[in-house]
Amino acid sequence: MNQINSLSILATAPCRADLAGGTLDLWPIYLFHQPAVTVNFALTIRTSCRITPNAKQQGGAIHLKSLDTGREDRFANFSALANAARHQHSIAALMVKFFEPQGGFTIETHSESPAGAGISGSSALMIATTAALAKYTEEQRGRKLTKEQLRVIAQNVETQIIHVPTGSQDYYPALYGGASALHLAVNGIRREALAVPAAEINSRFLIAYTGAPRQSGINNWEVFQASINGDKRVTRNFDRIAAIATAMRAALLAQNWNEVARLMREEWKLRRTNAPGITTPLIDHLVATALKYGGRAAKVCGAGGGGCVVFLVEPDARQRVAEAITAAGAVVLPAQLDLKGLTVSQR
């Protein structure tokens, strides 16, 4: 066993909150609405993947375990994993099939995100798992993968798992942390780090979980089909959403919070008309409650239908809004701006 495979590998990656331009990051939708931008920021709600080599007496056995969901797989060796008809821990299993690591090992994954929260917990976990296996097999493969290569692998494997198109925006906060504008252009995707003070984001944004998981692939697939099929209403909405996202980038850079609030309200109004099920009675109630107690704007994270809502508040109203939406049935998550992005360590 080589040196790298005698060490335990731990990779962690943060989730995200999206502020504007979501769903535009699905190829090829953004090509129809140029210029296209998606704006988001990473959260201190993290996912992790740990790979521990087996003791010699265990040979090539492979153990995959999700600590937060309890899903688990055991295989005698890589061949048994590759030939299995089903996997309980599909993220780890399909990623292992891609990297084909030598020897036996245990993979343990964990996500601090609630299930179906809409804050890209699965995509962040894909990045952590991809990075961990890339490090674990680095000597075996004879090369080090770039962050963009990690992103492509993670996105493509996640598409294999959910069987519908996946957008690209969720993987960049997991890789880089901070606040970002993703420029989705004909010649590729470019990430721009947005220099917004962490203290401003931490004091002005709340993330709350509705307690109802959602399936982003389903909502996104409905909107994707409508766009590809030329639905005029969806096309007009995306044109406007693209313009809002471009303006959101500028408003954040200028720290013009009145404009950020206006754009969030407008984006949410448009988005909820794209497909049925994007909002729910509880989400509508939480948004109305927040506005009543000093909130400035709100929108669903991700594709909607449940999950989390991001609220923009005035700093002096933050606690009041948090208490009000908690009383209304939400769980306020202890999330701030994550500045680290992907971390990989070995010992």
Protein backbone atom coordinates (compact mmCIF):
# COMPACT_ATOMS: atom_id res chain seq x y z
CA MET A 1 0.00 0.00 0.00
CA ASN A 2 1.49 3.36 -0.97
CA GLN A 3 1.95 6.20 1.48
CA ILE A 4 -1.16 8.21 0.54
CA ASN A 5 -3.38 5.13 0.92
CA SER A 6 -2.02 4.48 4.42
CA LEU A 7 -3.44 7.80 5.59
CA SER A 8 -6.95 8.84 6.48
CA ILE A 9 -8.36 11.57 4.24
CA LEU A 10 -10.95 14.12 5.39
CA ALA A 11 -12.61 16.56 2.98
CA THR A 12 -15.24 19.12 3.99
CA ALA A 13 -17.29 21.54 1.89
CA PRO A 14 -19.96 24.16 2.70
CA CYS A 15 -23.56 24.47 1.57
CA ARG A 16 -24.91 27.70 0.03
CA ALA A 17 -27.77 30.18 -0.13
CA ASP A 18 -28.70 31.46 -3.59
CA LEU A 19 -29.86 35.05 -4.01
CA ALA A 20 -30.61 35.42 -7.71
CA GLY A 21 -30.29 33.68 -11.05
CA GLY A 22 -31.03 30.13 -9.92
CA THR A 23 -32.06 27.58 -12.59
CA LEU A 24 -30.30 29.74 -15.19
CA ASP A 25 -27.22 27.64 -14.37
CA LEU A 26 -28.78 24.62 -16.11
CA TRP A 27 -27.15 24.04 -19.49
CA PRO A 28 -28.27 25.15 -22.06
CA ILE A 29 -30.84 27.52 -20.50
CA TYR A 30 -28.27 30.21 -19.68
CA LEU A 31 -27.24 30.33 -23.36
CA PHE A 32 -30.72 31.61 -24.22
CA HIS A 33 -30.64 34.49 -21.69
CA GLN A 34 -27.31 36.26 -22.06
CA PRO A 35 -25.71 37.76 -20.10
CA ALA A 36 -26.47 35.18 -17.43
CA VAL A 37 -25.27 35.41 -13.83
CA THR A 38 -26.04 33.44 -10.69
CA VAL A 39 -25.37 35.02 -7.29
CA ASN A 40 -24.92 33.04 -4.07
CA PHE A 41 -22.89 32.75 -0.87
CA ALA A 42 -21.45 29.82 1.08
CA LEU A 43 -22.82 28.88 4.50
CA THR A 44 -21.15 27.56 7.64
CA ILE A 45 -23.31 24.47 7.27
CA ARG A 46 -20.85 21.86 6.08
CA THR A 47 -20.63 18.39 4.64
CA SER A 48 -17.77 15.95 5.02
CA CYS A 49 -16.27 12.77 3.64
CA ARG A 50 -13.69 10.71 5.51
CA ILE A 51 -11.81 7.81 3.91
CA THR A 52 -10.02 5.40 6.24
CA PRO A 53 -7.87 2.57 4.83
CA ASN A 54 -8.69 -0.89 6.11
CA ALA A 55 -6.38 -2.87 8.32
CA LYS A 56 -4.38 -5.45 6.35
CA GLN A 57 -6.45 -8.39 7.60
CA GLN A 58 -9.60 -6.84 6.12
CA GLY A 59 -8.16 -6.96 2.62
CA GLY A 60 -10.12 -5.23 -0.13
CA ALA A 61 -13.42 -4.88 1.74
CA ILE A 62 -15.27 -1.61 1.16
CA HIS A 63 -17.65 -0.05 3.69
CA LEU A 64 -19.76 2.99 2.77
CA LYS A 65 -21.69 4.76 5.52
CA SER A 66 -23.76 7.94 5.72
CA LEU A 67 -23.61 9.10 9.33
CA ASP A 68 -26.58 11.46 9.03
CA THR A 69 -29.00 9.26 7.05
CA GLY A 70 -27.91 5.84 8.28
CA ARG A 71 -27.59 4.45 4.75
CA GLU A 72 -24.88 1.85 4.49
CA ASP A 73 -23.25 -0.55 2.02
CA ARG A 74 -20.68 -3.31 2.51
CA PHE A 75 -18.84 -5.01 -0.33
CA ALA A 76 -16.20 -7.71 -0.33
CA ASN A 77 -14.14 -5.78 -2.87
CA PHE A 78 -14.32 -3.20 -5.65
CA SER A 79 -15.64 -5.72 -8.18
CA ALA A 80 -18.61 -6.51 -5.93
CA LEU A 81 -19.39 -2.79 -5.59
CA ALA A 82 -19.08 -2.18 -9.32
CA ASN A 83 -21.36 -5.09 -10.18
CA ALA A 84 -24.02 -4.42 -7.53
CA ALA A 85 -27.47 -3.69 -8.98
CA ARG A 86 -28.29 -1.24 -6.19
CA HIS A 87 -26.46 0.91 -3.68
CA GLN A 88 -27.86 2.34 -0.47
CA HIS A 89 -25.24 5.10 -0.36
CA SER A 90 -25.34 6.04 -4.04
CA ILE A 91 -23.16 9.18 -3.76
CA ALA A 92 -20.23 7.26 -2.31
CA ALA A 93 -20.78 4.16 -4.44
CA LEU A 94 -20.89 5.92 -7.81
CA MET A 95 -17.93 8.08 -6.93
CA VAL A 96 -15.93 5.00 -5.93
CA LYS A 97 -16.88 3.41 -9.26
CA PHE A 98 -15.46 6.44 -11.05
CA PHE A 99 -12.15 6.64 -9.17
CA GLU A 100 -11.57 2.86 -8.82
CA PRO A 101 -9.39 3.17 -5.69
CA GLN A 102 -7.09 0.27 -4.84
CA GLY A 103 -7.39 -1.75 -1.66
CA GLY A 104 -10.04 -1.73 1.02
CA PHE A 105 -11.34 1.25 2.94
CA THR A 106 -14.24 2.81 4.80
CA ILE A 107 -15.98 5.97 3.57
CA GLU A 108 -18.01 7.91 6.11
CA THR A 109 -20.00 10.93 4.97
CA HIS A 110 -21.94 13.49 6.97
CA SER A 111 -24.07 16.54 6.20
CA GLU A 112 -25.10 19.24 8.66
CA SER A 113 -27.85 20.30 6.25
CA PRO A 114 -31.39 19.09 6.94
CA ALA A 115 -32.70 16.67 4.34
CA GLY A 116 -34.03 18.41 1.22
CA ALA A 117 -33.17 21.85 2.58
CA GLY A 118 -32.48 23.46 -0.80
CA ILE A 119 -29.08 24.74 0.32
CA SER A 120 -27.19 22.31 -1.94
CA GLY A 121 -26.32 19.78 0.75
CA SER A 122 -26.09 16.99 -1.82
CA SER A 123 -23.90 19.02 -4.17
CA ALA A 124 -21.59 20.08 -1.34
CA LEU A 125 -21.33 16.44 -0.28
CA MET A 126 -20.55 15.50 -3.88
CA ILE A 127 -17.65 17.98 -3.82
CA ALA A 128 -16.36 16.68 -0.47
CA THR A 129 -16.56 13.06 -1.64
CA THR A 130 -14.99 13.82 -5.01
CA ALA A 131 -12.13 15.72 -3.38
CA ALA A 132 -11.53 13.00 -0.78
CA LEU A 133 -11.34 10.25 -3.39
CA ALA A 134 -9.24 12.41 -5.71
CA LYS A 135 -6.72 12.87 -2.88
CA TYR A 136 -6.89 9.21 -1.89
CA THR A 137 -6.10 8.07 -5.45
CA GLU A 138 -3.74 10.90 -6.36
CA GLU A 139 -0.60 8.75 -6.52
CA GLN A 140 -2.49 5.88 -8.14
CA ARG A 141 -3.80 8.16 -10.90
CA GLY A 142 -0.52 10.04 -11.22
CA ARG A 143 -2.09 13.50 -11.28
CA LYS A 144 -3.76 16.12 -9.13
CA LEU A 145 -7.20 17.27 -10.19
CA THR A 146 -7.98 20.98 -10.43
CA LYS A 147 -11.01 22.47 -8.69
CA GLU A 148 -12.76 22.79 -12.03
CA GLN A 149 -12.14 19.12 -12.76
CA LEU A 150 -13.56 18.25 -9.33
CA ARG A 151 -16.63 20.33 -10.16
CA VAL A 152 -17.23 18.58 -13.50
CA ILE A 153 -16.91 15.10 -11.97
CA ALA A 154 -19.17 15.95 -9.02
CA GLN A 155 -21.83 17.49 -11.25
CA ASN A 156 -21.81 14.63 -13.74
CA VAL A 157 -22.03 11.92 -11.09
CA GLU A 158 -24.86 13.76 -9.33
CA THR A 159 -26.72 13.86 -12.65
CA GLN A 160 -26.31 10.09 -12.87
CA ILE A 161 -27.89 9.78 -9.43
CA ILE A 162 -30.93 12.06 -9.84
CA HIS A 163 -31.51 11.37 -13.57
CA VAL A 164 -32.34 14.97 -14.48
CA PRO A 165 -30.10 17.90 -15.49
CA THR A 166 -28.12 19.54 -12.70
CA GLY A 167 -27.07 23.17 -12.55
CA SER A 168 -23.51 24.27 -11.95
CA GLN A 169 -23.92 26.99 -9.30
CA ASP A 170 -24.12 24.72 -6.26
CA TYR A 171 -20.59 23.36 -6.61
CA TYR A 172 -18.72 26.67 -6.61
CA PRO A 173 -19.57 27.81 -3.05
CA ALA A 174 -18.57 24.31 -1.90
CA LEU A 175 -15.22 24.71 -3.65
CA TYR A 176 -14.37 28.33 -2.91
CA GLY A 177 -16.56 29.62 -0.07
CA GLY A 178 -17.45 33.32 0.20
CA ALA A 179 -19.95 35.25 -1.90
CA SER A 180 -19.87 34.59 -5.64
CA ALA A 181 -21.20 35.68 -8.98
CA LEU A 182 -21.03 32.93 -11.57
CA HIS A 183 -20.87 34.25 -15.10
CA LEU A 184 -22.45 31.65 -17.40
CA ALA A 185 -21.22 32.41 -20.89
CA VAL A 186 -20.76 30.83 -24.30
CA ASN A 187 -17.07 30.27 -23.59
CA GLY A 188 -17.66 28.64 -20.21
CA ILE A 189 -18.32 29.43 -16.55
CA ARG A 190 -16.31 32.02 -14.65
CA ARG A 191 -16.52 32.54 -10.90
CA GLU A 192 -16.15 36.07 -9.55
CA ALA A 193 -15.54 36.49 -5.83
CA LEU A 194 -17.75 39.28 -4.47
CA ALA A 195 -15.98 41.44 -1.90
CA VAL A 196 -18.89 41.87 0.51
CA PRO A 197 -17.89 42.13 4.21
CA ALA A 198 -18.74 38.99 6.15
CA ALA A 199 -20.17 41.11 8.97
CA GLU A 200 -22.72 42.63 6.58
CA ILE A 201 -23.91 39.26 5.29
CA ASN A 202 -23.98 37.71 8.76
CA SER A 203 -26.07 40.55 10.22
CA ARG A 204 -28.49 40.89 7.31
CA PHE A 205 -29.38 37.33 6.24
CA LEU A 206 -31.27 34.57 8.03
CA ILE A 207 -31.64 30.98 6.80
CA ALA A 208 -34.68 29.09 8.05
CA TYR A 209 -35.77 25.50 7.43
CA THR A 210 -39.45 24.89 6.83
CA GLY A 211 -39.29 21.29 8.02
CA ALA A 212 -40.57 20.06 4.65
CA PRO A 213 -37.98 18.46 2.35
CA ARG A 214 -38.24 19.20 -1.35
CA GLN A 215 -36.98 17.53 -4.51
CA SER A 216 -35.08 20.11 -6.53
CA GLY A 217 -34.64 17.80 -9.49
CA ILE A 218 -38.38 17.58 -10.03
CA ASN A 219 -39.08 21.33 -9.87
CA ASN A 220 -36.05 22.16 -11.97
CA TRP A 221 -36.97 19.52 -14.53
CA GLU A 222 -40.47 20.99 -14.95
CA VAL A 223 -39.05 24.47 -15.51
CA PHE A 224 -36.28 23.09 -17.75
CA GLN A 225 -38.82 21.34 -19.97
CA ALA A 226 -41.00 24.44 -20.18
CA SER A 227 -38.00 26.52 -21.22
CA ILE A 228 -36.78 24.04 -23.84
CA ASN A 229 -40.31 23.69 -25.19
CA GLY A 230 -40.48 27.44 -25.74
CA ASP A 231 -43.03 28.36 -23.07
CA LYS A 232 -43.31 32.11 -23.62
CA ARG A 233 -44.18 32.93 -20.02
CA VAL A 234 -41.18 30.98 -18.67
CA THR A 235 -38.91 32.51 -21.33
CA ARG A 236 -39.99 36.03 -20.35
CA ASN A 237 -39.49 35.21 -16.68
CA PHE A 238 -35.98 33.92 -17.30
CA ASP A 239 -35.11 37.04 -19.29
CA ARG A 240 -36.16 39.11 -16.30
CA ILE A 241 -34.49 36.78 -13.76
CA ALA A 242 -31.23 37.09 -15.72
CA ALA A 243 -31.49 40.89 -15.58
CA ILE A 244 -32.28 40.77 -11.85
CA ALA A 245 -29.25 38.57 -11.17
CA THR A 246 -26.96 40.97 -13.02
CA ALA A 247 -28.37 43.85 -10.98
CA MET A 248 -28.06 41.79 -7.77
CA ARG A 249 -24.34 41.36 -8.36
CA ALA A 250 -23.93 45.14 -8.68
CA ALA A 251 -26.13 45.85 -5.66
CA LEU A 252 -24.14 43.48 -3.44
CA LEU A 253 -20.83 44.95 -4.53
CA ALA A 254 -22.17 48.43 -3.75
CA GLN A 255 -23.71 47.19 -0.49
CA ASN A 256 -26.95 48.85 -1.59
CA TRP A 257 -29.25 46.88 0.68
CA ASN A 258 -32.41 48.70 -0.41
CA GLU A 259 -31.72 47.53 -3.96
CA VAL A 260 -30.84 44.01 -2.80
CA ALA A 261 -34.20 43.84 -1.01
CA ARG A 262 -36.11 45.10 -4.03
CA LEU A 263 -34.41 42.63 -6.34
CA MET A 264 -35.02 39.68 -3.99
CA ARG A 265 -38.72 40.54 -3.82
CA GLU A 266 -38.96 40.85 -7.59
CA GLU A 267 -37.03 37.63 -8.23
CA TRP A 268 -39.23 35.67 -5.84
CA LYS A 269 -42.40 37.08 -7.43
CA LEU A 270 -41.25 35.92 -10.86
CA ARG A 271 -39.88 32.57 -9.75
CA ARG A 272 -43.04 31.44 -8.05
CA THR A 273 -44.91 31.74 -11.36
CA ASN A 274 -42.49 29.47 -13.26
CA ALA A 275 -43.96 26.18 -12.08
CA PRO A 276 -46.56 24.94 -9.58
CA GLY A 277 -45.25 23.82 -6.22
CA ILE A 278 -42.35 26.27 -5.96
CA THR A 279 -44.00 27.85 -2.94
CA THR A 280 -46.17 26.36 -0.19
CA PRO A 281 -48.70 27.80 2.28
CA LEU A 282 -46.10 27.61 5.06
CA ILE A 283 -43.47 29.40 2.97
CA ASP A 284 -45.96 32.15 2.10
CA HIS A 285 -46.85 32.46 5.80
CA LEU A 286 -43.19 32.68 6.86
CA VAL A 287 -42.44 35.36 4.28
CA ALA A 288 -45.47 37.41 5.34
CA THR A 289 -44.51 37.02 9.01
CA ALA A 290 -40.95 38.14 8.38
CA LEU A 291 -42.09 41.24 6.51
CA LYS A 292 -44.46 42.09 9.34
CA TYR A 293 -41.69 42.00 11.95
CA GLY A 294 -39.00 43.92 10.10
CA GLY A 295 -37.82 41.68 7.30
CA ARG A 296 -37.02 43.34 3.99
CA ALA A 297 -37.33 40.44 1.52
CA ALA A 298 -37.27 36.66 1.27
CA LYS A 299 -37.06 33.86 -1.25
CA VAL A 300 -36.86 30.09 -1.27
CA CYS A 301 -33.42 28.53 -1.48
CA GLY A 302 -32.93 26.31 -4.48
CA ALA A 303 -35.81 25.07 -6.55
CA GLY A 304 -38.49 25.51 -3.88
CA GLY A 305 -41.40 23.34 -2.86
CA GLY A 306 -40.12 23.26 0.71
CA GLY A 307 -36.67 23.29 2.21
CA CYS A 308 -35.09 26.57 3.35
CA VAL A 309 -35.96 30.23 2.92
CA VAL A 310 -33.37 33.03 2.97
CA PHE A 311 -34.53 36.27 4.61
CA LEU A 312 -32.97 39.72 4.24
CA VAL A 313 -33.44 41.79 7.39
CA GLU A 314 -32.22 45.01 8.90
CA PRO A 315 -29.51 44.19 11.47
CA ASP A 316 -31.52 45.62 14.36
CA ALA A 317 -34.54 43.48 13.38
CA ARG A 318 -32.65 40.21 13.01
CA GLN A 319 -33.51 38.76 16.41
CA ARG A 320 -37.13 39.92 16.18
CA VAL A 321 -37.61 38.30 12.77
CA ALA A 322 -35.90 35.11 13.91
CA GLU A 323 -38.24 34.80 16.88
CA ALA A 324 -41.32 35.52 14.76
CA ILE A 325 -40.60 32.96 12.04
CA THR A 326 -39.65 30.39 14.69
CA ALA A 327 -43.04 30.91 16.31
CA ALA A 328 -44.61 30.55 12.85
CA GLY A 329 -43.11 27.07 12.40
CA ALA A 330 -39.62 27.50 10.95
CA VAL A 331 -36.25 26.43 12.34
CA VAL A 332 -33.63 29.17 12.07
CA LEU A 333 -30.32 27.56 11.18
CA PRO A 334 -27.06 28.75 12.83
CA ALA A 335 -25.54 29.77 9.51
CA GLN A 336 -23.07 32.51 8.67
CA LEU A 337 -20.89 33.26 5.66
CA ASP A 338 -18.35 30.49 5.11
CA LEU A 339 -14.99 31.80 3.91
CA LYS A 340 -13.05 28.54 3.74
CA GLY A 341 -14.71 26.55 0.98
CA LEU A 342 -13.32 23.07 0.34
CA THR A 343 -10.78 21.74 2.83
CA VAL A 344 -8.82 18.50 2.43
CA SER A 345 -6.53 17.07 5.10
CA GLN A 346 -4.77 13.77 5.77
CA ARG A 347 -3.30 12.09 8.80
